[in-house]
Structures are given as structure tokens and as C-alpha cells.
């Protein structure tokens, strides 16, 4: 359960970084 949440957070974090890079 914890691992799943961590994976999700990591994925969202990467998406956020990508979005910032695009902007």
C-alpha cells in the first residue's frame, strides 16, 4: 500500500517537473 502511494507520488512529481520544464 505504501509503495503504491510512493510510486503515484513519484509519477505526479515527474509530471509536475515536466510541466514546469514546458513552461
PDB file of N, CA and C in Angstrom:
ATOM      1  N   UNK A   1       0.847  -1.197   0.000  1.00  0.00           N
ATOM      2  CA  UNK A   1       0.000   0.000   0.000  1.00  0.00           C
ATOM      3  C   UNK A   1       0.888   1.254   0.000  1.00  0.00           C
ATOM      4  N   UNK A   2       1.830   1.293   0.903  1.00  0.00           N
ATOM      5  CA  UNK A   2       2.698   2.465   0.981  1.00  0.00           C
ATOM      6  C   UNK A   2       3.499   2.620  -0.312  1.00  0.00           C
ATOM      7  N   UNK A   3       3.966   1.473  -0.807  1.00  0.00           N
ATOM      8  CA  UNK A   3       4.786   1.532  -2.016  1.00  0.00           C
ATOM      9  C   UNK A   3       3.968   2.102  -3.187  1.00  0.00           C
ATOM     10  N   UNK A   4       2.695   1.682  -3.254  1.00  0.00           N
ATOM     11  CA  UNK A   4       1.846   2.160  -4.343  1.00  0.00           C
ATOM     12  C   UNK A   4       1.705   3.684  -4.271  1.00  0.00           C
ATOM     13  N   UNK A   5       1.473   4.182  -3.051  1.00  0.00           N
ATOM     14  CA  UNK A   5       1.312   5.631  -2.873  1.00  0.00           C
ATOM     15  C   UNK A   5       2.603   6.342  -3.260  1.00  0.00           C
ATOM     16  N   UNK A   6       3.732   5.779  -2.858  1.00  0.00           N
ATOM     17  CA  UNK A   6       5.021   6.392  -3.166  1.00  0.00           C
ATOM     18  C   UNK A   6       5.218   6.459  -4.673  1.00  0.00           C
ATOM     19  N   UNK A   7       4.870   5.363  -5.362  1.00  0.00           N
ATOM     20  CA  UNK A   7       5.014   5.316  -6.813  1.00  0.00           C
ATOM     21  C   UNK A   7       4.147   6.397  -7.453  1.00  0.00           C
ATOM     22  N   UNK A   8       2.924   6.512  -6.948  1.00  0.00           N
ATOM     23  CA  UNK A   8       1.996   7.504  -7.504  1.00  0.00           C
ATOM     24  C   UNK A   8       2.559   8.914  -7.297  1.00  0.00           C
ATOM     25  N   UNK A   9       3.086   9.156  -6.099  1.00  0.00           N
ATOM     26  CA  UNK A   9       3.633  10.479  -5.794  1.00  0.00           C
ATOM     27  C   UNK A   9       4.813  10.772  -6.717  1.00  0.00           C
ATOM     28  N   UNK A  10       5.656   9.767  -6.914  1.00  0.00           N
ATOM     29  CA  UNK A  10       6.824   9.964  -7.772  1.00  0.00           C
ATOM     30  C   UNK A  10       6.373  10.304  -9.187  1.00  0.00           C
ATOM     31  N   UNK A  11       5.350   9.583  -9.651  1.00  0.00           N
ATOM     32  CA  UNK A  11       4.851   9.819 -11.005  1.00  0.00           C
ATOM     33  C   UNK A  11       4.315  11.249 -11.124  1.00  0.00           C
ATOM     34  N   UNK A  12       3.538  11.656 -10.135  1.00  0.00           N
ATOM     35  CA  UNK A  12       2.964  13.007 -10.168  1.00  0.00           C
ATOM     36  C   UNK A  12       4.080  14.050 -10.117  1.00  0.00           C
ATOM     37  N   UNK A  13       5.092  13.771  -9.304  1.00  0.00           N
ATOM     38  CA  UNK A  13       6.201  14.711  -9.173  1.00  0.00           C
ATOM     39  C   UNK A  13       6.889  14.881 -10.530  1.00  0.00           C
ATOM     40  N   UNK A  14       7.142  13.755 -11.206  1.00  0.00           N
ATOM     41  CA  UNK A  14       7.783  13.808 -12.522  1.00  0.00           C
ATOM     42  C   UNK A  14       6.924  14.613 -13.490  1.00  0.00           C
ATOM     43  N   UNK A  15       5.609  14.381 -13.432  1.00  0.00           N
ATOM     44  CA  UNK A  15       4.700  15.114 -14.323  1.00  0.00           C
ATOM     45  C   UNK A  15       4.805  16.609 -14.044  1.00  0.00           C
ATOM     46  N   UNK A  16       4.834  16.964 -12.775  1.00  0.00           N
ATOM     47  CA  UNK A  16       4.934  18.374 -12.397  1.00  0.00           C
ATOM     48  C   UNK A  16       6.228  18.969 -12.926  1.00  0.00           C
ATOM     49  N   UNK A  17       7.322  18.249 -12.789  1.00  0.00           N
ATOM     50  CA  UNK A  17       8.620  18.741 -13.273  1.00  0.00           C
ATOM     51  C   UNK A  17       8.547  18.951 -14.778  1.00  0.00           C
ATOM     52  N   UNK A  18       7.928  18.007 -15.476  1.00  0.00           N
ATOM     53  CA  UNK A  18       7.802  18.115 -16.931  1.00  0.00           C
ATOM     54  C   UNK A  18       6.992  19.354 -17.289  1.00  0.00           C
ATOM     55  N   UNK A  19       5.886  19.549 -16.576  1.00  0.00           N
ATOM     56  CA  UNK A  19       5.016  20.708 -16.838  1.00  0.00           C
ATOM     57  C   UNK A  19       5.815  21.997 -16.631  1.00  0.00           C
ATOM     58  N   UNK A  20       6.603  22.048 -15.561  1.00  0.00           N
ATOM     59  CA  UNK A  20       7.400  23.245 -15.278  1.00  0.00           C
ATOM     60  C   UNK A  20       8.434  23.446 -16.384  1.00  0.00           C
ATOM     61  N   UNK A  21       9.011  22.355 -16.853  1.00  0.00           N
ATOM     62  CA  UNK A  21      10.024  22.441 -17.903  1.00  0.00           C
ATOM     63  C   UNK A  21       9.400  23.002 -19.178  1.00  0.00           C
ATOM     64  N   UNK A  22       8.179  22.546 -19.479  1.00  0.00           N
ATOM     65  CA  UNK A  22       7.492  23.020 -20.687  1.00  0.00           C
ATOM     66  C   UNK A  22       7.236  24.520 -20.568  1.00  0.00           C
ATOM     67  N   UNK A  23       6.816  24.938 -19.369  1.00  0.00           N
ATOM     68  CA  UNK A  23       6.524  26.366 -19.168  1.00  0.00           C
ATOM     69  C   UNK A  23       7.861  27.114 -19.036  1.00  0.00           C
TER      70      UNK A  23
END
